[in-house]
Structure formats: structure tokens, C-alpha cells
N, C-alpha and C. Protein backbone atom coordinates (compact mmCIF):
# COMPACT_ATOMS: atom_id res chain seq x y z
N MET A 1 0.68 -1.09 0.19
CA MET A 1 0.12 -0.04 0.13
C MET A 1 0.91 0.89 -0.20
N HIS A 2 0.72 2.27 -0.88
CA HIS A 2 1.37 3.62 -0.54
C HIS A 2 0.57 4.52 -1.18
N GLU A 3 1.21 6.04 -0.85
CA GLU A 3 -0.02 6.85 -0.84
C GLU A 3 0.32 7.85 -2.01
N HIS A 4 -0.36 8.61 -2.84
CA HIS A 4 0.25 9.97 -3.72
C HIS A 4 -0.51 10.95 -3.23
N THR A 5 -0.20 11.85 -3.11
CA THR A 5 -0.84 13.03 -3.11
C THR A 5 -1.12 14.29 -4.42
N LEU A 6 -1.95 14.27 -4.91
CA LEU A 6 -2.46 14.73 -5.77
C LEU A 6 -1.92 16.15 -5.76
N ASP A 7 -2.05 17.20 -7.27
CA ASP A 7 -1.81 18.64 -7.37
C ASP A 7 -3.08 19.42 -6.44
N ASP A 8 -3.86 18.88 -6.26
CA ASP A 8 -4.99 19.79 -4.89
C ASP A 8 -5.16 19.02 -3.71
N GLY A 9 -4.01 18.54 -3.71
CA GLY A 9 -3.99 17.91 -2.04
C GLY A 9 -4.75 16.62 -1.75
N THR A 10 -5.16 16.22 -2.77
CA THR A 10 -5.97 15.03 -2.26
C THR A 10 -5.08 13.99 -2.31
N VAL A 11 -5.12 12.81 -0.91
CA VAL A 11 -4.42 11.87 -0.95
C VAL A 11 -4.85 11.06 -1.32
N ILE A 12 -4.34 10.02 -2.21
CA ILE A 12 -4.88 8.36 -2.36
C ILE A 12 -3.85 7.47 -2.14
N SER A 13 -4.59 6.53 -1.37
CA SER A 13 -4.11 5.65 -1.10
C SER A 13 -4.19 4.52 -1.98
N HIS A 14 -3.39 3.29 -2.17
CA HIS A 14 -3.74 2.02 -2.67
C HIS A 14 -2.74 1.26 -3.20
N SER A 15 -2.81 -0.14 -3.36
CA SER A 15 -1.66 -0.89 -3.76
C SER A 15 -2.02 -1.40 -5.21
N HIS A 16 -1.28 -1.84 -5.97
CA HIS A 16 -0.85 -2.45 -7.57
C HIS A 16 -1.16 -3.96 -7.23
N THR A 17 -2.10 -4.43 -7.82
CA THR A 17 -2.40 -6.00 -7.49
C THR A 17 -1.08 -6.43 -8.66
N HIS A 18 -0.74 -5.97 -9.40
CA HIS A 18 0.35 -6.71 -10.95
C HIS A 18 -0.25 -7.70 -11.27
N THR A 19 -1.67 -8.44 -11.67
CA THR A 19 -2.35 -9.35 -12.12
C THR A 19 -1.90 -8.76 -13.55
N HIS A 20 -1.18 -9.47 -14.04
CA HIS A 20 -0.93 -9.70 -15.75
C HIS A 20 -1.24 -10.64 -16.32
N THR A 21 -1.64 -10.42 -17.75
CA THR A 21 -2.40 -11.73 -18.20
C THR A 21 -1.20 -12.81 -19.17
N GLN A 22 -0.41 -11.80 -19.37
CA GLN A 22 0.86 -12.76 -19.89
C GLN A 22 2.20 -13.46 -19.06
N THR A 23 1.87 -13.49 -18.13
CA THR A 23 2.97 -14.26 -17.03
C THR A 23 3.38 -15.63 -17.56
N LYS A 24 2.25 -16.62 -17.92
CA LYS A 24 2.65 -17.74 -17.79
C LYS A 24 3.46 -17.86 -19.80
N ALA A 25 2.92 -16.91 -20.56
CA ALA A 25 3.76 -16.60 -21.74
C ALA A 25 4.98 -16.23 -21.62
N VAL A 26 5.41 -15.28 -20.63
CA VAL A 26 6.35 -14.57 -20.52
C VAL A 26 7.58 -15.66 -20.02
N LEU A 27 6.94 -16.56 -18.99
CA LEU A 27 7.70 -17.37 -18.51
C LEU A 27 8.45 -18.53 -19.09
N ASN A 28 7.23 -19.04 -20.02
CA ASN A 28 7.54 -20.22 -21.32
C ASN A 28 8.25 -19.31 -22.06
N ARG A 29 8.61 -18.33 -23.03
CA ARG A 29 9.40 -17.68 -23.65
C ARG A 29 10.69 -17.60 -22.64
N MET A 30 11.21 -17.40 -21.30
CA MET A 30 12.04 -17.16 -20.30
C MET A 30 12.61 -18.43 -20.55
N ALA A 31 12.07 -19.55 -20.25
CA ALA A 31 12.33 -20.92 -20.30
C ALA A 31 13.27 -21.51 -21.48
N ARG A 32 12.33 -21.01 -22.72
CA ARG A 32 13.37 -20.96 -24.22
C ARG A 32 14.46 -20.73 -23.77
N LEU A 33 14.23 -19.17 -23.98
CA LEU A 33 15.06 -18.22 -23.84
C LEU A 33 16.85 -19.07 -23.00
N ILE A 34 16.55 -19.40 -21.77
CA ILE A 34 17.45 -20.36 -20.84
C ILE A 34 18.40 -21.27 -21.75
N GLY A 35 17.43 -21.99 -22.49
CA GLY A 35 17.62 -23.21 -22.57
C GLY A 35 18.77 -22.79 -24.44
N HIS A 36 18.23 -21.39 -25.05
CA HIS A 36 19.22 -21.07 -26.17
C HIS A 36 20.40 -21.01 -25.62
N LEU A 37 20.56 -19.99 -24.59
CA LEU A 37 21.45 -19.41 -23.80
C LEU A 37 22.50 -20.45 -23.85
N ASN A 38 22.19 -21.82 -23.08
CA ASN A 38 22.73 -22.88 -22.51
C ASN A 38 23.43 -23.61 -23.91
N SER A 39 22.65 -23.51 -24.87
CA SER A 39 22.91 -24.27 -26.06
C SER A 39 24.21 -23.26 -26.81
N THR A 40 24.03 -21.89 -26.38
CA THR A 40 25.06 -21.25 -27.53
C THR A 40 26.71 -21.67 -26.29
N ARG A 41 26.38 -21.80 -25.09
CA ARG A 41 27.41 -21.80 -24.43
C ARG A 41 28.35 -23.10 -24.22
N LYS A 42 27.12 -24.18 -25.25
CA LYS A 42 27.83 -25.00 -25.82
C LYS A 42 28.36 -25.03 -26.83
N MET A 43 27.86 -24.38 -27.55
CA MET A 43 28.58 -24.51 -29.23
C MET A 43 29.71 -23.43 -28.88
N ILE A 44 30.08 -22.57 -28.02
CA ILE A 44 31.32 -22.03 -27.66
C ILE A 44 32.42 -22.96 -27.14
N GLU A 45 31.96 -23.90 -25.82
CA GLU A 45 32.79 -24.67 -25.02
C GLU A 45 33.39 -25.90 -26.81
N ASP A 46 32.48 -26.55 -27.42
CA ASP A 46 32.78 -26.80 -28.52
C ASP A 46 33.88 -26.74 -29.46
N GLY A 47 33.70 -25.37 -29.39
CA GLY A 47 34.43 -24.91 -30.45
C GLY A 47 33.63 -24.40 -31.67
N ARG A 48 32.67 -24.13 -31.85
CA ARG A 48 31.77 -24.01 -32.98
C ARG A 48 32.34 -22.77 -33.52
N ASP A 49 31.91 -22.96 -35.18
CA ASP A 49 32.16 -21.80 -35.64
C ASP A 49 31.61 -20.16 -35.35
N CYS A 50 32.26 -19.52 -35.11
CA CYS A 50 32.05 -18.10 -34.48
C CYS A 50 30.94 -17.30 -35.22
N SER A 51 30.75 -17.56 -36.88
CA SER A 51 30.08 -16.84 -37.05
C SER A 51 28.43 -18.00 -36.87
N GLU A 52 28.41 -19.20 -36.41
CA GLU A 52 26.94 -19.97 -36.09
C GLU A 52 26.80 -19.18 -34.60
N VAL A 53 27.48 -18.90 -33.77
CA VAL A 53 27.79 -18.71 -32.70
C VAL A 53 27.02 -16.90 -32.25
N LEU A 54 27.54 -16.72 -33.68
CA LEU A 54 27.10 -14.82 -33.74
C LEU A 54 25.94 -14.77 -33.85
N ILE A 55 25.35 -15.94 -34.96
CA ILE A 55 23.80 -16.11 -35.29
C ILE A 55 22.95 -16.45 -34.05
N GLN A 56 23.47 -17.46 -33.84
CA GLN A 56 22.74 -17.73 -32.16
C GLN A 56 22.46 -17.10 -31.61
N LEU A 57 23.46 -15.92 -30.86
CA LEU A 57 23.61 -15.02 -29.90
C LEU A 57 22.57 -14.06 -30.82
N SER A 58 22.20 -13.82 -31.93
CA SER A 58 21.29 -12.57 -32.27
C SER A 58 20.07 -12.80 -32.15
N ALA A 59 19.72 -14.72 -32.37
CA ALA A 59 18.41 -14.83 -32.05
C ALA A 59 17.92 -14.89 -30.81
N VAL A 60 18.71 -14.86 -29.74
CA VAL A 60 18.40 -14.99 -28.84
C VAL A 60 18.40 -13.35 -28.23
N ASP A 61 18.93 -12.19 -28.19
CA ASP A 61 18.71 -11.24 -28.62
C ASP A 61 17.42 -10.46 -29.04
N ALA A 62 16.93 -11.08 -30.06
CA ALA A 62 15.88 -10.87 -30.53
C ALA A 62 14.87 -11.39 -29.50
N ALA A 63 14.80 -12.51 -29.14
CA ALA A 63 13.85 -13.52 -28.24
C ALA A 63 13.79 -12.16 -26.90
N ILE A 64 15.10 -12.06 -26.32
CA ILE A 64 14.94 -11.32 -25.09
C ILE A 64 14.43 -10.08 -25.51
N LYS A 65 14.53 -8.96 -26.79
CA LYS A 65 13.82 -8.01 -26.70
C LYS A 65 12.15 -8.15 -27.04
N ALA A 66 11.90 -9.89 -27.74
CA ALA A 66 10.33 -9.67 -27.63
C ALA A 66 9.74 -10.12 -26.55
N VAL A 67 10.49 -10.96 -25.45
CA VAL A 67 9.72 -10.50 -23.93
C VAL A 67 9.37 -9.34 -23.18
N GLY A 68 10.67 -8.94 -23.38
CA GLY A 68 10.56 -7.13 -23.20
C GLY A 68 9.22 -6.63 -23.79
N ARG A 69 9.08 -6.86 -24.96
CA ARG A 69 7.90 -5.83 -25.53
C ARG A 69 6.50 -6.22 -24.96
N ILE A 70 6.70 -7.74 -24.95
CA ILE A 70 5.54 -8.49 -24.29
C ILE A 70 4.91 -7.80 -22.62
N ILE A 71 6.21 -8.10 -21.90
CA ILE A 71 5.72 -7.39 -19.99
C ILE A 71 5.59 -6.23 -20.57
N LEU A 72 6.31 -5.09 -21.50
CA LEU A 72 5.80 -3.60 -21.36
C LEU A 72 4.49 -3.55 -21.77
N ARG A 73 3.76 -4.16 -22.71
CA ARG A 73 2.62 -3.69 -22.98
C ARG A 73 1.78 -4.68 -22.22
N ASP A 74 2.01 -5.27 -21.43
CA ASP A 74 1.11 -5.84 -19.92
C ASP A 74 1.34 -5.11 -19.29
N HIS A 75 2.40 -4.27 -18.66
CA HIS A 75 2.37 -3.14 -17.96
C HIS A 75 1.24 -2.52 -17.88
N ILE A 76 1.72 -1.92 -19.56
CA ILE A 76 1.04 -0.59 -19.72
C ILE A 76 -0.66 -1.21 -19.76
N GLU A 77 -0.96 -1.88 -20.07
CA GLU A 77 -2.54 -2.16 -20.05
C GLU A 77 -2.95 -2.77 -18.70
N HIS A 78 -2.05 -3.07 -17.81
CA HIS A 78 -2.64 -3.02 -16.13
C HIS A 78 -2.17 -2.04 -15.22
N CYS A 79 -0.88 -1.89 -15.20
CA CYS A 79 -0.22 -1.04 -14.06
C CYS A 79 -0.30 0.05 -14.48
N ILE A 80 -0.36 0.73 -15.49
CA ILE A 80 0.02 1.98 -16.32
C ILE A 80 -1.52 2.61 -16.29
N VAL A 81 -2.21 1.47 -16.73
CA VAL A 81 -3.77 1.94 -16.54
C VAL A 81 -4.66 2.37 -15.25
N ASP A 82 -4.10 1.57 -14.25
CA ASP A 82 -4.44 1.96 -13.01
C ASP A 82 -3.78 2.98 -12.68
N ALA A 83 -2.43 3.59 -12.51
CA ALA A 83 -1.88 4.60 -12.32
C ALA A 83 -2.60 5.82 -13.06
N VAL A 84 -2.87 6.02 -14.25
CA VAL A 84 -3.52 7.17 -14.63
C VAL A 84 -4.71 7.25 -13.64
N LYS A 85 -5.71 6.40 -13.48
CA LYS A 85 -7.19 6.27 -13.32
C LYS A 85 -6.65 7.09 -11.12
N THR A 86 -5.39 6.43 -10.76
CA THR A 86 -5.23 7.07 -9.32
C THR A 86 -4.67 8.12 -9.48
N GLY A 87 -4.19 8.30 -10.31
CA GLY A 87 -3.08 9.72 -10.36
C GLY A 87 -1.78 9.14 -10.01
N ASP A 88 -1.43 8.37 -10.23
CA ASP A 88 -0.47 7.70 -9.73
C ASP A 88 1.00 8.09 -10.36
N THR A 89 1.71 9.46 -10.58
CA THR A 89 2.36 10.09 -11.20
C THR A 89 4.21 9.24 -11.45
N ALA A 90 4.00 8.65 -9.83
CA ALA A 90 5.44 7.98 -9.58
C ALA A 90 5.75 6.75 -10.44
N GLU A 91 4.59 6.06 -10.69
CA GLU A 91 4.50 4.78 -11.38
C GLU A 91 4.49 5.27 -12.75
N ILE A 92 4.34 6.09 -13.21
CA ILE A 92 4.35 6.40 -14.81
C ILE A 92 5.85 6.86 -14.92
N GLU A 93 6.26 7.69 -14.04
CA GLU A 93 7.90 8.07 -14.06
C GLU A 93 8.93 6.73 -14.10
N LYS A 94 8.28 5.95 -13.19
CA LYS A 94 9.36 4.47 -13.38
C LYS A 94 9.31 3.83 -14.64
N LEU A 95 8.15 4.04 -15.02
CA LEU A 95 7.70 3.48 -16.83
C LEU A 95 8.70 3.96 -17.84
N ASN A 96 8.63 5.52 -17.36
CA ASN A 96 9.65 6.27 -18.10
C ASN A 96 10.67 5.94 -18.30
N ARG A 97 11.55 5.70 -17.18
CA ARG A 97 13.00 4.88 -16.76
C ARG A 97 13.06 4.00 -17.24
N ALA A 98 12.10 2.81 -17.29
CA ALA A 98 12.83 1.57 -17.68
C ALA A 98 12.28 1.46 -19.10
N ILE A 99 11.24 2.60 -19.90
CA ILE A 99 11.59 2.34 -21.26
C ILE A 99 12.91 3.17 -21.78
N GLU A 100 13.40 3.78 -21.37
CA GLU A 100 14.80 4.54 -21.47
C GLU A 100 15.94 3.34 -21.58
N GLN A 101 16.03 2.72 -20.40
CA GLN A 101 16.62 1.72 -20.16
C GLN A 101 16.57 0.44 -21.06
N PHE A 102 15.08 0.31 -21.52
CA PHE A 102 14.80 -0.73 -22.56
C PHE A 102 15.27 -0.38 -23.90
N ILE A 103 15.15 0.73 -24.29
CA ILE A 103 15.43 0.86 -25.62
C ILE A 103 16.81 1.24 -25.67
N ARG A 104 17.54 1.33 -25.07
CA ARG A 104 19.05 1.57 -25.33
C ARG A 104 19.64 0.28 -25.88
């Protein structure tokens, strides 16, 4: 539970439930990513061609970014909608900082 003070002085108390609809899909994708990373490590250990390793790393990178987009979309649809309704500018600012890190 936390509180926010609106510009007019109104104090709003609430908690974020963080009920995301994509949690299972994200966890499944993360499990596959871990498998791909382990396979890439094995490729390096086995002395596989650098080009093959780079292609695999590129695929892993794309998959990580796809997971990030799913999480971002889910966060906006749930947490940010709630934050806008309750005037939670701190939560919106957290999202802005996270987006800045994500797009680097």
C-alpha cells in the first residue's frame, strides 16, 4: 500500500495488484531463452564456428527483446492504466525510466 498526493492536495492510498495476463507466456519464453543460452554456451565450449555462435546470439537477443515488449505491453495495459486512474505519477515516471533503459 502506498499514497499519492494529487496537485489539489488530495491523498490517494492504494496498492498495485500486478495481475498480468501474459505471465505464463513470458515464463515459457524465458525457459526457452535459457535453453538457447545454454546451447550457445555449449557451442562456444565445443569450438563451433564463430559465425554460427553470432547468429545464435542474434536470435537470443531478438527473443529477449520480444519478451521485453510483451512485459511492457502487459505493464501498460494493467499497471499504467491503474496509475493513470489513480493519479500515480510516480508509477508513470518509473515506466519512463524503464523504457529509457529498455530502448538503449
